[in-house]
C-alpha atoms as a PDB file:
ATOM      1  CA  MET A   1       0.000   0.000   0.000  1.00  0.00           C
ATOM      2  CA  GLU A   2       1.228   3.418  -0.878  1.00  0.00           C
ATOM      3  CA  ILE A   3      -0.271   6.878  -0.469  1.00  0.00           C
ATOM      4  CA  HIS A   4       0.959   9.402  -2.992  1.00  0.00           C
ATOM      5  CA  ALA A   5      -0.011  12.568  -4.843  1.00  0.00           C
ATOM      6  CA  ILE A   6      -2.259  11.823  -7.794  1.00  0.00           C
ATOM      7  CA  GLY A   7      -1.224  13.175 -11.189  1.00  0.00           C
ATOM      8  CA  LEU A   8      -3.486  14.270 -14.049  1.00  0.00           C
ATOM      9  CA  ILE A   9      -2.806  10.984 -15.823  1.00  0.00           C
ATOM     10  CA  LYS A  10      -5.049   9.378 -13.165  1.00  0.00           C
ATOM     11  CA  LEU A  11      -7.956  11.841 -13.548  1.00  0.00           C
ATOM     12  CA  ARG A  12     -10.229   9.283 -15.202  1.00  0.00           C
ATOM     13  CA  ALA A  13      -9.423   6.624 -12.577  1.00  0.00           C
ATOM     14  CA  VAL A  14     -10.078   8.980  -9.660  1.00  0.00           C
ATOM     15  CA  THR A  15     -13.285  10.270 -11.231  1.00  0.00           C
ATOM     16  CA  GLN A  16     -14.436   6.652 -11.600  1.00  0.00           C
ATOM     17  CA  LEU A  17     -13.462   5.962  -7.977  1.00  0.00           C
ATOM     18  CA  TYR A  18     -15.729   8.775  -6.761  1.00  0.00           C
ATOM     19  CA  THR A  19     -18.501   7.683  -9.166  1.00  0.00           C
ATOM     20  CA  ASP A  20     -18.379   4.132  -7.765  1.00  0.00           C
ATOM     21  CA  ILE A  21     -18.367   5.416  -4.182  1.00  0.00           C
ATOM     22  CA  THR A  22     -21.288   7.778  -4.879  1.00  0.00           C
ATOM     23  CA  ALA A  23     -23.348   4.922  -6.395  1.00  0.00           C
ATOM     24  CA  ASP A  24     -22.600   2.719  -3.380  1.00  0.00           C
ATOM     25  CA  LEU A  25     -23.564   5.463  -0.915  1.00  0.00           C
ATOM     26  CA  ARG A  26     -26.839   6.035  -2.745  1.00  0.00           C
ATOM     27  CA  ARG A  27     -27.613   2.286  -2.725  1.00  0.00           C
ATOM     28  CA  LYS A  28     -27.187   2.468   1.049  1.00  0.00           C
ATOM     29  CA  GLY A  29     -29.571   5.458   1.232  1.00  0.00           C
ATOM     30  CA  ILE A  30     -26.779   7.953   1.977  1.00  0.00           C
ATOM     31  CA  LYS A  31     -27.366  10.864  -0.375  1.00  0.00           C
ATOM     32  CA  GLN A  32     -24.335  12.976   0.457  1.00  0.00           C
ATOM     33  CA  TRP A  33     -22.923  12.990  -3.096  1.00  0.00           C
ATOM     34  CA  ASP A  34     -24.477  12.961  -6.553  1.00  0.00           C
ATOM     35  CA  ARG A  35     -23.582  13.524 -10.211  1.00  0.00           C
ATOM     36  CA  LEU A  36     -22.869  17.199  -9.473  1.00  0.00           C
ATOM     37  CA  TYR A  37     -20.480  16.635  -6.567  1.00  0.00           C
ATOM     38  CA  PRO A  38     -17.791  15.583  -6.589  1.00  0.00           C
ATOM     39  CA  ASN A  39     -17.353  16.150 -10.318  1.00  0.00           C
ATOM     40  CA  ARG A  40     -14.357  15.874 -12.645  1.00  0.00           C
ATOM     41  CA  PHE A  41     -13.758  19.640 -12.602  1.00  0.00           C
ATOM     42  CA  ILE A  42     -13.387  19.667  -8.804  1.00  0.00           C
ATOM     43  CA  ILE A  43     -11.221  16.551  -8.946  1.00  0.00           C
ATOM     44  CA  LYS A  44      -9.057  18.019 -11.729  1.00  0.00           C
ATOM     45  CA  THR A  45      -8.533  21.208  -9.695  1.00  0.00           C
ATOM     46  CA  ASP A  46      -7.553  19.132  -6.653  1.00  0.00           C
ATOM     47  CA  ILE A  47      -5.003  17.259  -8.773  1.00  0.00           C
ATOM     48  CA  LYS A  48      -3.594  20.395 -10.430  1.00  0.00           C
ATOM     49  CA  ASN A  49      -3.143  22.029  -7.026  1.00  0.00           C
ATOM     50  CA  GLY A  50      -1.342  18.969  -5.667  1.00  0.00           C
ATOM     51  CA  HIS A  51      -3.961  18.399  -2.977  1.00  0.00           C
ATOM     52  CA  LEU A  52      -5.371  15.000  -3.984  1.00  0.00           C
ATOM     53  CA  PHE A  53      -3.670  11.898  -2.606  1.00  0.00           C
ATOM     54  CA  GLY A  54      -4.507   8.306  -3.380  1.00  0.00           C
ATOM     55  CA  LEU A  55      -4.039   4.997  -1.618  1.00  0.00           C
ATOM     56  CA  SER A  56      -2.881   2.531  -4.251  1.00  0.00           C
ATOM     57  CA  ALA A  57      -2.078  -1.150  -4.539  1.00  0.00           C
ATOM     58  CA  ASP A  58      -0.982  -2.844  -7.760  1.00  0.00           C
ATOM     59  CA  LYS A  59      -1.423   0.465  -9.642  1.00  0.00           C
ATOM     60  CA  LYS A  60      -5.108   0.603  -8.643  1.00  0.00           C
ATOM     61  CA  ILE A  61      -6.475   3.521  -6.606  1.00  0.00           C
ATOM     62  CA  LEU A  62      -8.380   2.104  -3.636  1.00  0.00           C
ATOM     63  CA  GLY A  63      -9.150   5.382  -1.878  1.00  0.00           C
ATOM     64  CA  ALA A  64      -8.431   9.082  -1.926  1.00  0.00           C
ATOM     65  CA  VAL A  65      -8.290  12.177   0.244  1.00  0.00           C
ATOM     66  CA  VAL A  66      -7.908  15.898  -0.411  1.00  0.00           C
ATOM     67  CA  VAL A  67      -5.928  18.052   2.024  1.00  0.00           C
ATOM     68  CA  ASP A  68      -5.860  21.821   1.590  1.00  0.00           C
ATOM     69  CA  THR A  69      -6.751  25.094   3.298  1.00  0.00           C
ATOM     70  CA  ASN A  70     -10.030  25.739   1.460  1.00  0.00           C
ATOM     71  CA  GLU A  71     -12.575  26.299   4.198  1.00  0.00           C
ATOM     72  CA  SER A  72     -16.304  26.763   3.597  1.00  0.00           C
ATOM     73  CA  LYS A  73     -17.562  30.199   4.594  1.00  0.00           C
ATOM     74  CA  LYS A  74     -20.121  28.331   6.674  1.00  0.00           C
ATOM     75  CA  TYR A  75     -17.280  27.338   9.023  1.00  0.00           C
ATOM     76  CA  GLN A  76     -17.140  30.952  10.245  1.00  0.00           C
ATOM     77  CA  GLU A  77     -20.420  30.352  12.102  1.00  0.00           C
ATOM     78  CA  LEU A  78     -18.808  27.687  14.304  1.00  0.00           C
ATOM     79  CA  LYS A  79     -16.755  27.855  17.490  1.00  0.00           C
ATOM     80  CA  TRP A  80     -13.392  26.209  16.832  1.00  0.00           C
ATOM     81  CA  GLU A  81     -10.852  25.427  19.515  1.00  0.00           C
ATOM     82  CA  ASP A  82      -7.995  26.425  17.206  1.00  0.00           C
ATOM     83  CA  GLU A  83      -8.879  30.063  16.532  1.00  0.00           C
ATOM     84  CA  GLU A  84      -5.325  31.419  16.228  1.00  0.00           C
ATOM     85  CA  GLY A  85      -3.558  28.597  14.408  1.00  0.00           C
ATOM     86  CA  ARG A  86      -3.259  27.296  10.896  1.00  0.00           C
ATOM     87  CA  PRO A  87      -5.889  24.602  10.175  1.00  0.00           C
ATOM     88  CA  LEU A  88      -5.645  22.014   7.428  1.00  0.00           C
ATOM     89  CA  LEU A  89      -8.900  20.825   5.859  1.00  0.00           C
ATOM     90  CA  ILE A  90      -9.815  17.303   4.813  1.00  0.00           C
ATOM     91  CA  HIS A  91     -12.213  16.873   1.905  1.00  0.00           C
ATOM     92  CA  ARG A  92     -13.601  13.886   0.013  1.00  0.00           C
ATOM     93  CA  LEU A  93     -11.897  11.147   2.026  1.00  0.00           C
ATOM     94  CA  ALA A  94     -13.323   7.961   0.554  1.00  0.00           C
ATOM     95  CA  VAL A  95     -12.522   4.307  -0.093  1.00  0.00           C
ATOM     96  CA  HIS A  96     -13.850   2.208  -2.965  1.00  0.00           C
ATOM     97  CA  PRO A  97     -16.729  -0.044  -1.778  1.00  0.00           C
ATOM     98  CA  ASP A  98     -14.785  -3.220  -2.661  1.00  0.00           C
ATOM     99  CA  TYR A  99     -12.054  -2.215  -0.191  1.00  0.00           C
ATOM    100  CA  GLN A 100     -14.059  -0.756   2.693  1.00  0.00           C
ATOM    101  CA  GLY A 101     -13.759  -2.248   6.159  1.00  0.00           C
ATOM    102  CA  LYS A 102     -10.050  -3.004   5.777  1.00  0.00           C
ATOM    103  CA  GLY A 103      -8.686   0.060   7.584  1.00  0.00           C
ATOM    104  CA  TYR A 104      -7.870   2.031   4.438  1.00  0.00           C
ATOM    105  CA  GLY A 105      -9.989   5.006   5.510  1.00  0.00           C
ATOM    106  CA  LYS A 106      -8.001   5.133   8.750  1.00  0.00           C
ATOM    107  CA  GLN A 107      -4.762   4.997   6.747  1.00  0.00           C
ATOM    108  CA  LEU A 108      -5.869   7.976   4.645  1.00  0.00           C
ATOM    109  CA  LEU A 109      -6.880   9.851   7.781  1.00  0.00           C
ATOM    110  CA  GLN A 110      -3.522   9.095   9.415  1.00  0.00           C
ATOM    111  CA  PHE A 111      -1.781  10.285   6.251  1.00  0.00           C
ATOM    112  CA  ALA A 112      -3.655  13.595   6.492  1.00  0.00           C
ATOM    113  CA  GLU A 113      -2.691  13.973  10.154  1.00  0.00           C
ATOM    114  CA  ASP A 114       0.966  13.199   9.385  1.00  0.00           C
ATOM    115  CA  TYR A 115       0.850  15.677   6.493  1.00  0.00           C
ATOM    116  CA  ALA A 116      -0.548  18.342   8.826  1.00  0.00           C
ATOM    117  CA  HIS A 117       2.130  17.711  11.431  1.00  0.00           C
ATOM    118  CA  ARG A 118       5.001  17.703   8.876  1.00  0.00           C
ATOM    119  CA  ASN A 119       3.794  20.933   7.311  1.00  0.00           C
ATOM    120  CA  GLY A 120       3.223  22.932  10.497  1.00  0.00           C
ATOM    121  CA  TYR A 121      -0.575  22.932  10.640  1.00  0.00           C
ATOM    122  CA  SER A 122      -2.044  23.336  14.100  1.00  0.00           C
ATOM    123  CA  SER A 123      -5.301  21.462  13.576  1.00  0.00           C
ATOM    124  CA  ILE A 124      -7.457  19.573  11.118  1.00  0.00           C
ATOM    125  CA  ARG A 125     -11.028  20.502  10.280  1.00  0.00           C
ATOM    126  CA  LEU A 126     -13.569  18.619   8.219  1.00  0.00           C
ATOM    127  CA  ASP A 127     -17.262  18.163   7.660  1.00  0.00           C
ATOM    128  CA  VAL A 128     -19.064  14.869   7.201  1.00  0.00           C
ATOM    129  CA  PHE A 129     -22.605  14.070   6.115  1.00  0.00           C
ATOM    130  CA  SER A 130     -24.506  13.431   9.335  1.00  0.00           C
ATOM    131  CA  LEU A 131     -26.314  10.359   7.928  1.00  0.00           C
ATOM    132  CA  ASN A 132     -23.032   8.634   7.010  1.00  0.00           C
ATOM    133  CA  SER A 133     -22.695   6.900  10.365  1.00  0.00           C
ATOM    134  CA  GLY A 134     -19.626   4.891   9.367  1.00  0.00           C
ATOM    135  CA  ALA A 135     -17.650   8.009   8.518  1.00  0.00           C
ATOM    136  CA  VAL A 136     -18.882   9.867  11.611  1.00  0.00           C
ATOM    137  CA  LYS A 137     -17.780   6.978  13.836  1.00  0.00           C
ATOM    138  CA  MET A 138     -14.359   6.796  12.159  1.00  0.00           C
ATOM    139  CA  TYR A 139     -13.660  10.452  12.936  1.00  0.00           C
ATOM    140  CA  GLU A 140     -14.944  10.153  16.495  1.00  0.00           C
ATOM    141  CA  ARG A 141     -12.788   7.061  17.155  1.00  0.00           C
ATOM    142  CA  ALA A 142      -9.770   8.947  15.777  1.00  0.00           C
ATOM    143  CA  GLY A 143     -10.220  11.676  18.397  1.00  0.00           C
ATOM    144  CA  TYR A 144     -11.980  14.346  16.346  1.00  0.00           C
ATOM    145  CA  GLN A 145     -14.266  16.633  18.335  1.00  0.00           C
ATOM    146  CA  GLU A 146     -17.616  17.772  16.981  1.00  0.00           C
ATOM    147  CA  ARG A 147     -17.842  21.571  16.709  1.00  0.00           C
ATOM    148  CA  GLY A 148     -21.328  21.978  15.276  1.00  0.00           C
ATOM    149  CA  MET A 149     -23.232  21.478  12.073  1.00  0.00           C
ATOM    150  CA  ILE A 150     -23.712  23.259   8.786  1.00  0.00           C
ATOM    151  CA  ARG A 151     -26.039  22.811   5.833  1.00  0.00           C
ATOM    152  CA  PHE A 152     -25.266  22.789   2.136  1.00  0.00           C
ATOM    153  CA  PRO A 153     -27.814  23.527  -0.603  1.00  0.00           C
ATOM    154  CA  PHE A 154     -29.662  20.562  -2.094  1.00  0.00           C
ATOM    155  CA  ARG A 155     -28.606  18.229   0.725  1.00  0.00           C
ATOM    156  CA  ALA A 156     -31.319  16.546   2.793  1.00  0.00           C
ATOM    157  CA  ALA A 157     -29.359  16.430   6.038  1.00  0.00           C
ATOM    158  CA  PRO A 158     -26.778  18.630   7.754  1.00  0.00           C
ATOM    159  CA  TYR A 159     -23.042  18.035   7.866  1.00  0.00           C
ATOM    160  CA  LEU A 160     -21.261  17.634  11.188  1.00  0.00           C
ATOM    161  CA  CYS A 161     -18.062  19.623  11.572  1.00  0.00           C
ATOM    162  CA  PHE A 162     -15.106  18.106  13.393  1.00  0.00           C
ATOM    163  CA  GLU A 163     -11.735  19.363  14.579  1.00  0.00           C
ATOM    164  CA  LYS A 164      -8.588  17.752  15.912  1.00  0.00           C
ATOM    165  CA  ILE A 165      -5.656  19.624  17.398  1.00  0.00           C
ATOM    166  CA  ILE A 166      -2.387  18.282  16.029  1.00  0.00           C
ATOM    167  CA  ALA A 167      -0.014  17.064  18.744  1.00  0.00           C
ATOM    168  CA  GLY A 168       3.339  18.793  18.539  1.00  0.00           C
ATOM    169  CA  SER A 169       1.944  21.709  16.566  1.00  0.00           C
ATOM    170  CA  LEU A 170       3.224  25.188  17.335  1.00  0.00           C
ATOM    171  CA  LYS A 171       0.106  25.970  19.379  1.00  0.00           C
ATOM    172  CA  ASN A 172       0.590  22.885  21.555  1.00  0.00           C
ATOM    173  CA  ASP A 173       4.296  23.644  22.059  1.00  0.00           C
ATOM    174  CA  LYS A 174       3.597  26.953  23.816  1.00  0.00           C
END
């Protein structure tokens, strides 16, 4: 298993990964994603900016995660513990349905935390569809603290917002 930055040559494969994951979520009654999001334009921008990382085995992408500093304006409504620091955001962390339940989501999450620590971020923030209980539980088990909820247009349920302070970050060293 290897986690690495995804290049444009893999755009079609990553787009298919998210399409397969979206179809699986919808079969399970979890309508967090659809044909409009995530789309190939968002994915292509993530790749071009060097923010999309994939978990691969035998040249196949099993899962992906985006790490960047793009924060929804809706986050301003919430009370974050890390108000003075430099937060990293996690977006679109997902594992192909054929490979779920094997710890790959946790590996991608750990990669994001290691990335944050290596690059001097003080915390990680993310939002997760409130009806995706598996994802919510994964973040809670990993020590993320709920900070509130936000709503996005055309989504039936709210998204829970989570935060985790990064151990060894500048804020924690004071």
